[in-house]
Protein backbone atom coordinates (compact mmCIF):
# COMPACT_ATOMS: atom_id res chain seq x y z
CA MET A 1 -29.21 -63.34 150.20
CA GLN A 2 -29.60 -60.00 148.44
CA LEU A 3 -26.52 -57.80 148.27
CA LYS A 4 -25.55 -54.41 146.89
CA ILE A 5 -22.02 -54.19 145.53
CA GLU A 6 -20.18 -51.30 147.15
CA LYS A 7 -17.00 -51.34 145.08
CA MET A 8 -14.56 -53.48 143.11
CA ILE A 9 -11.42 -54.72 144.84
CA TYR A 10 -7.99 -55.97 143.77
CA GLY A 11 -8.39 -59.55 142.59
CA GLY A 12 -11.45 -58.88 140.46
CA ASP A 13 -14.20 -59.41 143.03
CA GLY A 14 -16.91 -57.05 144.10
CA LEU A 15 -17.29 -56.17 147.78
CA ALA A 16 -20.63 -56.19 149.61
CA ARG A 17 -21.74 -56.48 153.22
CA LEU A 18 -24.25 -58.76 154.85
CA PRO A 19 -27.38 -56.88 155.96
CA ALA A 20 -27.50 -55.97 159.65
CA GLU A 21 -30.38 -58.36 160.31
CA ALA A 22 -28.17 -61.26 159.29
CA GLY A 23 -26.11 -60.80 162.45
CA ARG A 24 -22.66 -59.30 162.96
CA SER A 25 -21.62 -57.37 159.89
CA LYS A 26 -19.46 -59.42 157.53
CA THR A 27 -17.72 -58.57 154.28
CA VAL A 28 -18.71 -60.54 151.19
CA PHE A 29 -16.52 -61.06 148.09
CA LEU A 30 -18.05 -62.30 144.84
CA PRO A 31 -16.87 -62.40 141.21
CA PHE A 32 -18.51 -61.27 137.96
CA VAL A 33 -20.38 -58.34 139.51
CA LEU A 34 -19.98 -54.57 139.19
CA ASP A 35 -20.08 -51.66 141.59
CA GLY A 36 -23.60 -50.46 142.30
CA GLU A 37 -25.30 -53.68 141.22
CA GLU A 38 -27.87 -55.50 143.32
CA VAL A 39 -27.61 -59.28 143.16
CA GLU A 40 -29.10 -62.45 144.57
CA ALA A 41 -26.16 -64.47 145.89
CA THR A 42 -25.33 -67.76 147.58
CA PRO A 43 -22.44 -68.14 150.06
CA THR A 44 -19.87 -70.73 148.99
CA ARG A 45 -17.36 -70.61 151.86
CA GLU A 46 -16.11 -68.46 154.71
CA LYS A 47 -12.50 -67.78 155.65
CA SER A 48 -10.99 -65.36 158.18
CA GLY A 49 -14.30 -63.62 158.66
CA ILE A 50 -14.85 -63.03 154.93
CA VAL A 51 -17.78 -64.67 153.15
CA TYR A 52 -17.16 -65.78 149.57
CA ALA A 53 -20.24 -66.03 147.40
CA ARG A 54 -21.51 -66.43 143.87
CA ALA A 55 -24.05 -64.19 142.19
CA ASP A 56 -27.01 -66.30 141.08
CA GLN A 57 -28.98 -63.43 139.58
CA VAL A 58 -28.30 -59.77 138.86
CA LEU A 59 -31.42 -58.00 140.10
CA ARG A 60 -30.34 -54.50 139.11
CA PRO A 61 -27.49 -54.53 136.56
CA SER A 62 -24.97 -51.74 136.12
CA PRO A 63 -25.34 -49.65 132.96
CA ARG A 64 -21.67 -50.52 132.35
CA ARG A 65 -22.41 -54.25 132.08
CA VAL A 66 -21.81 -55.78 128.64
CA GLU A 67 -21.85 -59.22 127.08
CA ALA A 68 -18.56 -61.06 127.58
CA GLY A 69 -16.34 -61.43 124.52
CA CYS A 70 -15.29 -65.00 125.31
CA LYS A 71 -17.54 -68.05 125.65
CA TYR A 72 -15.37 -69.42 128.48
CA PHE A 73 -15.46 -66.26 130.58
CA TYR A 74 -17.73 -67.22 133.48
CA GLU A 75 -15.95 -70.56 133.97
CA CYS A 76 -12.33 -69.62 133.22
CA GLY A 77 -10.14 -68.17 135.94
CA GLY A 78 -8.02 -66.15 133.50
CA CYS A 79 -10.15 -63.02 133.02
CA ASN A 80 -12.20 -60.96 135.47
CA TYR A 81 -13.75 -57.96 133.72
CA GLN A 82 -15.14 -59.07 130.36
CA HIS A 83 -18.64 -58.27 131.68
CA THR A 84 -17.97 -54.50 131.62
CA ASP A 85 -16.87 -52.01 128.98
CA TYR A 86 -13.18 -51.30 128.64
CA GLU A 87 -13.32 -47.68 129.83
CA HIS A 88 -14.95 -48.89 133.03
CA GLN A 89 -12.18 -51.46 133.46
CA LEU A 90 -9.67 -48.60 133.46
CA GLU A 91 -11.76 -46.70 136.01
CA ILE A 92 -11.86 -49.76 138.28
CA LYS A 93 -8.09 -50.21 138.12
CA ARG A 94 -7.36 -46.55 138.79
CA ALA A 95 -9.66 -46.67 141.82
CA VAL A 96 -7.99 -49.84 143.11
CA LEU A 97 -4.54 -48.30 142.72
CA ARG A 98 -5.57 -45.02 144.38
CA GLU A 99 -7.15 -46.82 147.35
CA SER A 100 -4.07 -49.00 147.82
CA LEU A 101 -1.82 -45.93 147.87
CA GLU A 102 -4.05 -44.27 150.45
CA ARG A 103 -4.51 -47.31 152.69
CA THR A 104 -1.01 -48.82 152.69
CA ALA A 105 1.41 -46.11 151.54
CA LYS A 106 -0.56 -43.44 153.47
CA LEU A 107 -0.32 -41.39 150.28
CA ASN A 108 -3.33 -39.22 149.60
CA TRP A 109 -2.58 -38.68 145.92
CA PRO A 110 -4.58 -35.61 144.83
CA ALA A 111 -3.56 -35.55 141.17
CA GLU A 112 -4.64 -37.64 138.22
CA ILE A 113 -3.55 -41.25 137.82
CA HIS A 114 -2.68 -41.30 134.14
CA ALA A 115 -4.21 -44.33 132.43
CA HIS A 116 -2.48 -45.80 129.38
CA ALA A 117 -4.97 -47.95 127.50
CA SER A 118 -4.28 -51.01 125.39
CA PRO A 119 -6.30 -52.58 122.61
CA PRO A 120 -8.51 -54.77 124.81
CA TRP A 121 -8.23 -57.99 122.76
CA ASN A 122 -5.49 -60.10 121.15
CA TYR A 123 -2.81 -58.27 123.16
CA ARG A 124 -0.90 -61.17 124.71
CA ASN A 125 2.38 -62.27 123.09
CA ARG A 126 2.80 -65.08 125.63
CA THR A 127 0.18 -67.61 126.72
CA ARG A 128 0.65 -70.65 128.94
CA MET A 129 -1.88 -73.47 129.15
CA HIS A 130 -2.27 -76.61 131.20
CA VAL A 131 -2.31 -79.93 129.35
CA LYS A 132 -3.80 -83.35 129.96
CA SER A 133 -2.54 -85.97 127.55
CA SER A 134 -2.30 -89.73 127.35
CA GLY A 135 0.34 -89.54 124.65
CA SER A 136 -0.04 -91.78 121.63
CA GLU A 137 -3.73 -92.54 122.22
CA ALA A 138 -5.82 -90.62 119.70
CA GLY A 139 -9.32 -89.43 120.41
CA GLY A 140 -10.80 -87.87 123.51
CA ASN A 141 -7.85 -88.27 125.86
CA PHE A 142 -6.34 -84.83 125.27
CA ALA A 143 -7.32 -81.49 126.77
CA MET A 144 -5.59 -78.11 127.00
CA GLY A 145 -6.76 -74.96 128.70
CA TYR A 146 -6.87 -72.95 131.91
CA TYR A 147 -8.01 -73.79 135.42
CA ARG A 148 -11.65 -73.18 136.25
CA ILE A 149 -12.18 -70.20 138.50
CA GLY A 150 -11.19 -70.91 142.09
CA SER A 151 -9.98 -74.44 141.39
CA HIS A 152 -7.30 -76.64 139.83
CA ASP A 153 -9.80 -78.35 137.52
CA LEU A 154 -8.84 -78.09 133.88
CA LEU A 155 -11.24 -76.16 131.66
CA PRO A 156 -10.63 -77.16 128.01
CA VAL A 157 -10.08 -73.98 125.97
CA GLU A 158 -9.68 -73.98 122.19
CA ASN A 159 -9.29 -70.24 121.63
CA CYS A 160 -8.31 -67.29 123.79
CA PRO A 161 -9.41 -63.84 122.58
CA ILE A 162 -6.88 -61.95 124.71
CA SER A 163 -4.03 -63.85 123.01
CA SER A 164 -2.53 -62.83 119.67
CA PRO A 165 -3.92 -64.19 116.39
CA LEU A 166 -0.82 -66.34 115.86
CA ILE A 167 -1.06 -67.78 119.36
CA ASN A 168 -4.67 -68.72 118.63
CA ARG A 169 -3.58 -70.49 115.45
CA ALA A 170 -0.93 -72.28 117.51
CA ILE A 171 -3.53 -73.30 120.10
CA ALA A 172 -5.71 -74.73 117.31
CA ALA A 173 -2.73 -76.63 115.88
CA VAL A 174 -1.85 -78.19 119.24
CA TRP A 175 -5.47 -79.23 119.76
CA GLU A 176 -5.39 -80.93 116.36
CA MET A 177 -2.16 -82.69 117.28
CA GLY A 178 -3.61 -83.67 120.65
CA ARG A 179 -6.66 -85.25 119.12
CA ALA A 180 -4.33 -87.22 116.86
CA GLY A 181 -2.34 -88.47 119.87
CA ARG A 182 0.79 -86.51 119.01
CA ILE A 183 1.48 -84.79 122.34
CA PRO A 184 4.21 -86.32 124.56
CA LYS A 185 2.43 -87.98 127.49
CA ALA A 186 4.65 -86.36 130.17
CA THR A 187 3.60 -82.87 129.03
CA HIS A 188 1.64 -80.90 131.62
CA GLU A 189 1.94 -77.34 130.25
CA ILE A 190 2.58 -75.67 126.89
CA GLU A 191 3.50 -72.01 126.45
CA PHE A 192 3.33 -70.00 123.23
CA PHE A 193 5.56 -66.93 122.75
CA THR A 194 5.40 -64.71 119.66
CA ASN A 195 7.60 -61.91 118.36
CA ALA A 196 6.56 -58.26 118.05
CA LYS A 197 5.10 -58.70 114.55
CA ASP A 198 3.18 -61.82 115.58
CA ALA A 199 4.92 -63.62 112.71
CA GLU A 200 7.00 -66.20 114.60
CA VAL A 201 6.13 -68.40 117.54
CA LEU A 202 8.27 -70.34 120.00
CA LEU A 203 6.70 -73.37 121.69
CA LYS A 204 7.71 -74.20 125.25
CA ILE A 205 6.86 -77.59 126.73
CA TYR A 206 6.89 -78.24 130.47
CA SER A 207 7.07 -81.97 131.15
CA VAL A 208 8.02 -84.39 133.88
CA TYR A 209 11.65 -85.32 133.35
CA GLU A 210 12.08 -88.74 131.75
CA PRO A 211 15.65 -89.79 130.85
CA GLU A 212 14.51 -92.66 128.60
CA ALA A 213 15.36 -92.46 124.90
CA SER A 214 11.68 -92.95 124.03
CA ALA A 215 10.84 -89.67 125.75
CA GLN A 216 13.38 -87.86 123.59
CA ARG A 217 11.89 -89.47 120.47
CA ASP A 218 8.42 -88.30 121.52
CA LEU A 219 9.69 -84.73 121.78
CA GLU A 220 11.43 -84.94 118.41
CA GLN A 221 8.26 -86.25 116.75
CA PHE A 222 6.20 -83.54 118.43
CA ALA A 223 8.54 -80.83 117.10
CA GLN A 224 8.33 -82.26 113.58
CA PHE A 225 4.54 -82.45 113.67
CA ALA A 226 4.23 -78.96 115.17
CA LYS A 227 6.33 -77.45 112.39
CA ALA A 228 4.15 -79.19 109.81
CA TYR A 229 0.94 -77.98 111.46
CA LEU A 230 2.26 -74.45 112.03
CA PRO A 231 4.93 -73.11 109.63
CA GLU A 232 5.40 -69.97 111.77
CA MET A 233 6.88 -72.09 114.55
CA ILE A 234 10.63 -71.46 114.75
CA GLY A 235 11.51 -73.76 117.62
CA THR A 236 10.35 -76.13 120.34
CA VAL A 237 11.94 -75.99 123.78
CA ALA A 238 11.36 -78.41 126.66
CA PHE A 239 11.79 -77.60 130.34
CA ALA A 240 12.02 -80.52 132.77
CA THR A 241 10.04 -80.47 136.00
CA GLY A 242 10.61 -82.72 138.97
CA SER A 243 14.35 -82.98 138.30
CA SER A 244 17.26 -81.42 140.16
CA LEU A 245 19.38 -81.75 137.01
CA PHE A 246 17.77 -78.72 135.37
CA PRO A 247 17.18 -75.29 136.98
CA TRP A 248 13.75 -73.74 136.36
CA ASP A 249 14.99 -71.57 133.48
CA SER A 250 17.35 -74.18 131.99
CA VAL A 251 16.46 -75.89 128.71
CA ALA A 252 16.37 -79.68 128.94
CA TRP A 253 15.80 -80.32 125.22
CA SER A 254 15.27 -78.24 122.11
CA SER A 255 14.64 -78.39 118.39
CA GLY A 256 15.16 -75.38 116.16
CA LYS A 257 15.66 -71.95 117.72
CA THR A 258 15.58 -71.45 121.49
CA SER A 259 15.01 -67.68 121.40
CA LEU A 260 13.09 -64.96 119.60
CA MET A 261 14.27 -61.58 118.36
CA TYR A 262 11.79 -59.04 119.71
CA ASN A 263 12.08 -55.75 117.85
CA THR A 264 10.47 -52.59 119.24
CA GLN A 265 10.77 -48.94 118.25
CA ARG A 266 13.18 -48.39 121.14
CA GLY A 267 15.34 -51.51 121.05
CA ARG A 268 16.09 -54.93 119.67
CA TYR A 269 16.06 -57.79 122.15
CA ARG A 270 16.99 -61.43 122.06
CA VAL A 271 14.63 -63.28 124.40
CA GLN A 272 15.36 -66.91 125.23
CA ALA A 273 12.61 -69.37 126.03
CA GLY A 274 13.40 -69.24 129.74
CA SER A 275 13.61 -65.43 130.00
CA PHE A 276 11.01 -62.92 131.11
CA PHE A 277 9.67 -60.29 128.70
CA GLN A 278 6.65 -57.99 128.88
CA THR A 279 3.45 -59.71 127.74
CA ASN A 280 1.45 -56.91 126.12
CA ARG A 281 2.58 -56.63 122.50
CA PHE A 282 0.95 -53.20 122.04
CA LEU A 283 2.26 -51.20 125.03
CA THR A 284 5.93 -52.17 125.24
CA ASP A 285 7.23 -48.93 123.72
CA GLU A 286 4.84 -46.80 125.76
CA LEU A 287 5.97 -48.47 128.97
CA VAL A 288 9.63 -48.00 128.07
CA GLY A 289 9.03 -44.37 127.20
CA LEU A 290 7.45 -43.69 130.59
CA VAL A 291 10.55 -45.06 132.29
CA THR A 292 13.32 -43.67 130.08
CA ASP A 293 12.17 -40.48 128.32
CA GLY A 294 13.69 -37.29 129.70
CA ARG A 295 16.20 -39.15 131.88
CA SER A 296 19.92 -38.51 131.44
CA GLY A 297 23.11 -38.27 133.42
CA LYS A 298 26.32 -40.06 134.29
CA LEU A 299 25.05 -43.27 135.95
CA ALA A 300 21.74 -45.16 135.95
CA LEU A 301 20.94 -48.36 137.84
CA ASP A 302 18.46 -50.79 136.25
CA LEU A 303 17.51 -53.24 139.00
CA TYR A 304 15.66 -56.44 138.05
CA ALA A 305 16.82 -55.64 134.52
CA GLY A 306 15.57 -58.80 132.80
CA THR A 307 16.67 -58.92 129.18
CA GLY A 308 17.50 -55.20 129.17
CA LEU A 309 14.15 -53.68 128.23
CA PHE A 310 14.99 -50.40 130.00
CA SER A 311 18.80 -50.68 129.99
CA VAL A 312 19.12 -50.55 126.21
CA PRO A 313 17.33 -47.18 125.74
CA LEU A 314 18.84 -45.75 128.94
CA ALA A 315 22.30 -46.31 127.45
CA GLN A 316 21.48 -43.71 124.81
CA SER A 317 21.25 -40.92 127.40
CA PHE A 318 23.49 -42.06 130.29
CA GLU A 319 27.25 -42.37 130.25
CA ARG A 320 26.96 -45.67 132.09
CA VAL A 321 24.13 -48.07 132.95
CA VAL A 322 24.59 -50.85 135.53
CA ALA A 323 21.96 -53.53 134.87
CA VAL A 324 21.39 -56.13 137.60
CA GLU A 325 19.62 -59.43 136.94
CA ALA A 326 19.48 -62.68 138.94
CA SER A 327 18.03 -65.13 136.38
CA THR A 328 20.74 -66.90 134.38
CA SER A 329 18.67 -67.06 131.21
CA SER A 330 17.62 -63.40 131.32
CA PHE A 331 21.18 -62.36 132.18
CA GLU A 332 22.52 -64.14 129.09
CA ASP A 333 20.03 -62.19 127.00
CA LEU A 334 20.95 -58.99 128.84
CA GLN A 335 24.59 -59.52 127.89
CA THR A 336 23.64 -60.09 124.25
CA ASN A 337 21.33 -57.07 124.09
CA SER A 338 23.53 -54.61 125.97
CA MET A 339 25.25 -51.70 124.29
CA SER A 340 28.78 -50.68 125.16
CA ARG A 341 27.60 -48.32 127.92
CA VAL A 342 25.66 -51.08 129.72
CA GLN A 343 27.42 -53.11 132.41
CA PRO A 344 25.43 -56.33 133.05
CA VAL A 345 25.74 -57.76 136.57
CA LEU A 346 24.56 -61.28 137.47
CA ALA A 347 23.40 -60.88 141.06
CA ASP A 348 20.47 -60.81 143.42
CA THR A 349 19.42 -57.20 143.90
CA GLY A 350 19.79 -57.36 147.68
CA ASP A 351 23.31 -58.79 147.40
CA PHE A 352 24.26 -56.16 144.83
CA LEU A 353 23.04 -53.31 147.02
CA SER A 354 25.04 -54.70 149.96
CA ARG A 355 28.26 -53.94 148.09
CA PRO A 356 29.97 -50.53 148.34
CA ALA A 357 27.29 -48.10 147.24
CA LEU A 358 27.31 -46.45 143.84
CA ARG A 359 26.06 -42.88 143.44
CA PRO A 360 23.55 -43.12 140.60
CA ASP A 361 21.64 -40.21 139.11
CA TYR A 362 18.65 -42.45 138.40
CA ILE A 363 17.39 -45.86 139.53
CA VAL A 364 14.80 -48.02 137.75
CA LEU A 365 13.04 -50.67 139.82
CA ASP A 366 11.01 -53.41 138.12
CA PRO A 367 10.68 -56.15 140.77
CA PRO A 368 8.48 -59.27 140.62
CA ARG A 369 5.00 -59.36 142.13
CA THR A 370 6.46 -59.73 145.63
CA GLY A 371 7.93 -56.23 145.35
CA LEU A 372 11.18 -55.01 146.90
CA GLY A 373 10.63 -55.90 150.54
CA GLU A 374 11.78 -53.88 153.53
CA LYS A 375 15.50 -54.72 153.39
CA ILE A 376 16.02 -53.73 149.76
CA THR A 377 13.77 -50.67 150.05
CA ARG A 378 15.80 -49.37 152.99
CA GLN A 379 19.05 -50.07 151.12
CA LEU A 380 17.72 -47.90 148.27
CA GLY A 381 16.69 -45.18 150.70
CA LYS A 382 20.25 -45.00 152.00
CA ILE A 383 21.71 -44.70 148.48
CA SER A 384 19.66 -41.50 148.07
CA ALA A 385 19.49 -41.34 144.29
CA PRO A 386 17.79 -38.08 143.27
CA LEU A 387 15.32 -39.85 140.97
CA LEU A 388 13.61 -43.25 141.18
CA THR A 389 11.06 -44.94 138.95
CA TYR A 390 9.18 -47.92 140.36
CA VAL A 391 7.48 -50.26 137.85
CA SER A 392 5.03 -52.51 139.68
CA CYS A 393 2.57 -55.28 138.87
CA ASP A 394 0.98 -55.39 142.34
CA PRO A 395 -0.54 -52.31 144.04
CA ALA A 396 -0.24 -53.84 147.52
CA THR A 397 3.51 -54.51 147.44
CA LEU A 398 4.10 -51.23 145.59
CA SER A 399 2.29 -49.29 148.32
CA ARG A 400 4.15 -51.14 151.08
CA ASP A 401 7.51 -50.23 149.53
CA LEU A 402 6.51 -46.64 148.73
CA ARG A 403 5.68 -46.01 152.37
CA ILE A 404 9.31 -46.75 153.31
CA LEU A 405 10.72 -44.66 150.47
CA ILE A 406 8.55 -41.74 151.58
CA GLU A 407 10.03 -42.13 155.08
CA PHE A 408 13.46 -41.57 153.49
CA GLY A 409 12.30 -38.27 152.03
CA TYR A 410 11.11 -39.34 148.58
CA ARG A 411 8.15 -37.51 147.08
CA VAL A 412 5.86 -38.96 144.43
CA GLN A 413 5.96 -36.89 141.22
CA ALA A 414 3.57 -38.84 139.00
CA VAL A 415 1.51 -42.02 139.00
CA HIS A 416 0.71 -43.93 135.80
CA MET A 417 -1.51 -46.97 135.35
CA VAL A 418 -0.37 -48.89 132.27
CA ASP A 419 -3.02 -51.43 131.32
CA LEU A 420 -0.85 -54.33 130.21
CA PHE A 421 -3.57 -56.86 131.08
CA PRO A 422 -7.04 -55.83 129.82
CA GLN A 423 -9.99 -58.00 130.90
CA THR A 424 -8.09 -59.06 134.04
CA TYR A 425 -7.69 -57.55 137.52
CA HIS A 426 -3.91 -57.10 137.14
CA VAL A 427 -2.69 -53.53 137.58
CA GLU A 428 0.65 -52.41 136.17
CA SER A 429 1.82 -49.04 137.43
CA VAL A 430 4.76 -46.68 136.99
CA VAL A 431 5.52 -44.27 139.83
CA HIS A 432 8.12 -41.50 139.51
CA LEU A 433 9.78 -40.32 142.74
CA THR A 434 12.17 -37.51 143.54
CA LEU A 435 14.24 -36.95 146.67
CA ASP A 436 13.32 -33.77 148.56
């Protein structure tokens, strides 16, 4: 079937519609296309009235189409936009964010959505890959990479151009070790995490829990080999899966350091292997500045505080900062990183807001992809802080929550799109709100 792509949508696909002569009008989603293009496509499946298809031939390409910068692009499920220039990627993301605000938040935002660009390549300081290994057998029994697009089939990947140079050296080292049969057989994922200067790397292994002494020896040998292959490696940390003995962010085994010191212009942060930290190594300070610059007062709340990325600089301009975090690992880092004016609180955000309400001058919200949800959003509306900043990684959940905040009298002051994830469909946004 021949299709014309109407627009790009959240998730990286293009949207088209079946021609009228094909019957009742249906929406078609297909990857690796661009708005305005005409393509020859083949349906692959249909679900809930939406046809999913693949583009077999681009009949009329967009002038914004470029050659992909990665040889794995059209097979790998990690990136979505390598086939267009970077400025167009920013335009797509701004349009997606604006449409989501209009459709879900009922916010017709007339002003500019400020785009904060990143270097489009080598920006990731953290990369996680799937592993297939038979352990001590050398040869062709090892593979590491990402899932193929739309599947759980492993695509072997030996370099990743959106990851930092040191991570790519680490990927090459692990491949060399894998070919030599030096990867513990229970390993199913490996994550690489580098510091701000891309000079040190922490290796994280996710493996099926095995209490046998031989499994511990395999890990010890792996750590020794990894250090020999990659001198920049400062530690190896193993997380056990399939075991109730170890929580998801609890270290089951380690060799060397279990954390990195991540130094930025605005703060110095210890980040343990099990803790969350922003992934774009170029835009950390810009993101923090958007949230903290020009804010001051007696009390600030930093909800979903993580390791203290926003709490640490906020403590320089607020008399008191209450930082709330639910993850044990991140909370331990938050305690270590906090200045004297920061009060770390280990709690779920909803539980914390159910306590006797504080009267903050400013609240920072940086929830996971699932957003705040109705209960927490309404709790925040009742607190009535004069200023809120919402940091979001999902336009849909952001817009859902904003609609409730607007019901409580909040007005959007500014909308920023911070491109923490070039080449992908992910949209990071910062929205400033004030209470009318």
